[in-house]
Amino acid sequence: MSVAQRRFLSEVASLINKTVTVTTVDNKRYTGILIGINPESLSLCLSEAKDEKGNVTPKIVLSGNIVAQILAAEREFDIKKLAERLEKVFPRMVRLYEKEGFIWVMDKIKVTAEGVVEGSGPMAERVQRVYSQFVSQMKRA
């Protein structure tokens, strides 16, 4: 498998558990949470799929040969930018593990796309405030 193919599959896989809008070749549109994808056929499974008329289907499987496009409905979390923001508040105390999807602050506070997941006390609360402010600004952007 080429680097480009691996990168493509990695990008598609990053949409798992995210809200997407899928347009089919016959111009039908479904918005739901992407819960599974077959990398060979690009067939996919959406949960809570809503069509253009507002009808919701708990689960729908779409064959890859009818999928025309998949659009991410939400912006991907930019953990690198969060690390840069934290570095301004906690200079030389921030370590980014981008591939693993987390940040260590002061070697005791772990931050992910969901916020502070390890650590407690006043410093962890401060990190959480920086995280909350960052998320709020990203939603407005």
Protein backbone atom coordinates (compact mmCIF):
# COMPACT_ATOMS: atom_id res chain seq x y z
CA MET A 1 0.00 0.00 0.00
CA SER A 2 1.39 3.41 -0.97
CA VAL A 3 1.89 6.29 1.43
CA ALA A 4 -0.92 8.17 -0.31
CA GLN A 5 -3.32 5.24 0.14
CA ARG A 6 -2.43 4.91 3.82
CA ARG A 7 -2.88 8.65 4.29
CA PHE A 8 -6.26 8.55 2.54
CA LEU A 9 -7.50 5.69 4.72
CA SER A 10 -6.16 7.42 7.82
CA GLU A 11 -8.08 10.60 6.95
CA VAL A 12 -11.29 8.63 6.34
CA ALA A 13 -10.77 6.70 9.59
CA SER A 14 -10.39 10.00 11.47
CA LEU A 15 -14.06 10.66 10.67
CA ILE A 16 -15.19 7.65 12.76
CA ASN A 17 -17.50 8.74 15.59
CA LYS A 18 -17.88 12.19 14.02
CA THR A 19 -20.94 13.75 12.44
CA VAL A 20 -20.76 13.59 8.64
CA THR A 21 -23.01 14.38 5.71
CA VAL A 22 -23.02 11.76 2.97
CA THR A 23 -24.32 12.52 -0.52
CA THR A 24 -25.15 9.59 -2.77
CA VAL A 25 -24.79 9.39 -6.55
CA ASP A 26 -28.57 9.85 -6.87
CA ASN A 27 -28.27 13.09 -4.83
CA LYS A 28 -29.79 11.80 -1.58
CA ARG A 29 -28.24 13.30 1.54
CA TYR A 30 -27.83 11.74 4.99
CA THR A 31 -26.35 13.34 8.09
CA GLY A 32 -25.35 11.13 10.99
CA ILE A 33 -22.50 9.72 13.03
CA LEU A 34 -20.06 7.64 11.02
CA ILE A 35 -19.69 4.45 13.06
CA GLY A 36 -18.03 2.15 10.55
CA ILE A 37 -16.37 2.02 7.17
CA ASN A 38 -15.08 -0.78 4.96
CA PRO A 39 -11.72 0.40 3.59
CA GLU A 40 -11.89 -1.86 0.51
CA SER A 41 -15.32 -0.83 -0.75
CA LEU A 42 -15.75 2.46 1.15
CA SER A 43 -19.17 1.21 2.25
CA LEU A 44 -20.14 2.93 5.45
CA CYS A 45 -22.50 2.79 8.37
CA LEU A 46 -24.15 5.83 9.94
CA SER A 47 -26.07 5.96 13.20
CA GLU A 48 -28.93 8.39 13.78
CA ALA A 49 -28.94 9.18 10.06
CA LYS A 50 -31.23 12.05 9.10
CA ASP A 51 -32.33 12.47 5.48
CA GLU A 52 -33.34 15.72 3.72
CA LYS A 53 -36.95 15.31 4.86
CA GLY A 54 -35.91 15.05 8.51
CA ASN A 55 -36.61 11.32 8.82
CA VAL A 56 -34.20 9.67 11.25
CA THR A 57 -33.01 6.08 10.80
CA PRO A 58 -31.22 4.55 13.82
CA LYS A 59 -28.65 2.82 11.55
CA ILE A 60 -28.09 2.91 7.84
CA VAL A 61 -25.48 1.11 5.73
CA LEU A 62 -24.56 2.72 2.42
CA SER A 63 -22.76 0.78 -0.27
CA GLY A 64 -19.50 2.40 -1.32
CA ASN A 65 -20.53 2.36 -4.99
CA ILE A 66 -23.39 4.80 -4.31
CA VAL A 67 -21.45 7.21 -2.07
CA ALA A 68 -20.57 10.35 -4.01
CA GLN A 69 -19.08 12.38 -1.16
CA ILE A 70 -18.55 12.45 2.59
CA LEU A 71 -18.40 15.85 4.28
CA ALA A 72 -17.19 16.38 7.82
CA ALA A 73 -19.92 18.29 9.62
CA GLU A 74 -17.67 19.31 12.48
CA ARG A 75 -14.18 20.77 12.51
CA GLU A 76 -11.44 18.39 13.63
CA PHE A 77 -9.96 19.21 17.03
CA ASP A 78 -6.57 20.92 16.61
CA ILE A 79 -4.54 19.54 19.49
CA LYS A 80 -1.37 21.18 18.18
CA LYS A 81 -2.93 24.65 18.45
CA LEU A 82 -4.14 23.82 21.98
CA ALA A 83 -0.59 22.80 22.91
CA GLU A 84 0.68 26.14 21.56
CA ARG A 85 -1.92 27.98 23.65
CA LEU A 86 -0.99 25.99 26.77
CA GLU A 87 2.71 26.69 26.12
CA LYS A 88 1.99 30.42 26.42
CA VAL A 89 0.45 29.89 29.87
CA PHE A 90 2.86 27.14 31.00
CA PRO A 91 6.20 27.89 29.25
CA ARG A 92 8.51 24.86 28.79
CA MET A 93 6.07 22.65 30.74
CA VAL A 94 3.99 21.33 27.81
CA ARG A 95 4.71 18.14 25.84
CA LEU A 96 2.57 17.32 22.81
CA TYR A 97 1.95 13.71 21.77
CA GLU A 98 0.14 14.54 18.53
CA LYS A 99 -0.16 11.01 17.11
CA GLU A 100 -1.46 9.70 20.45
CA GLY A 101 -3.86 12.63 20.76
CA PHE A 102 -2.87 14.09 24.10
CA ILE A 103 -0.80 16.75 25.84
CA TRP A 104 1.11 16.48 29.14
CA VAL A 105 1.31 19.66 31.19
CA MET A 106 3.90 19.71 34.00
CA ASP A 107 4.23 15.90 33.63
CA LYS A 108 1.05 15.40 35.66
CA ILE A 109 -1.93 16.89 33.81
CA LYS A 110 -3.15 15.04 30.72
CA VAL A 111 -5.30 16.91 28.19
CA THR A 112 -7.14 15.40 25.21
CA ALA A 113 -9.81 16.68 22.82
CA GLU A 114 -12.28 16.06 25.68
CA GLY A 115 -10.41 18.27 28.17
CA VAL A 116 -8.39 17.41 31.29
CA VAL A 117 -8.56 13.63 31.74
CA GLU A 118 -5.82 13.19 34.36
CA GLY A 119 -4.68 15.44 37.14
CA SER A 120 -6.41 17.53 39.77
CA GLY A 121 -5.95 20.64 41.83
CA PRO A 122 -5.57 24.31 41.00
CA MET A 123 -3.18 23.77 38.06
CA ALA A 124 -5.46 21.17 36.46
CA GLU A 125 -8.35 23.62 36.87
CA ARG A 126 -6.27 26.32 35.17
CA VAL A 127 -5.44 23.96 32.29
CA GLN A 128 -9.16 23.14 31.98
CA ARG A 129 -10.00 26.87 31.81
CA VAL A 130 -7.45 27.34 28.99
CA TYR A 131 -8.95 24.30 27.23
CA SER A 132 -12.54 25.60 27.64
CA GLN A 133 -11.60 29.04 26.34
CA PHE A 134 -9.78 27.44 23.38
CA VAL A 135 -12.81 25.26 22.48
CA SER A 136 -15.18 28.18 22.77
CA GLN A 137 -13.01 30.30 20.43
CA MET A 138 -12.72 27.44 17.91
CA LYS A 139 -16.51 27.09 17.78
CA ARG A 140 -16.87 30.79 16.98
CA ALA A 141 -14.20 30.68 14.25
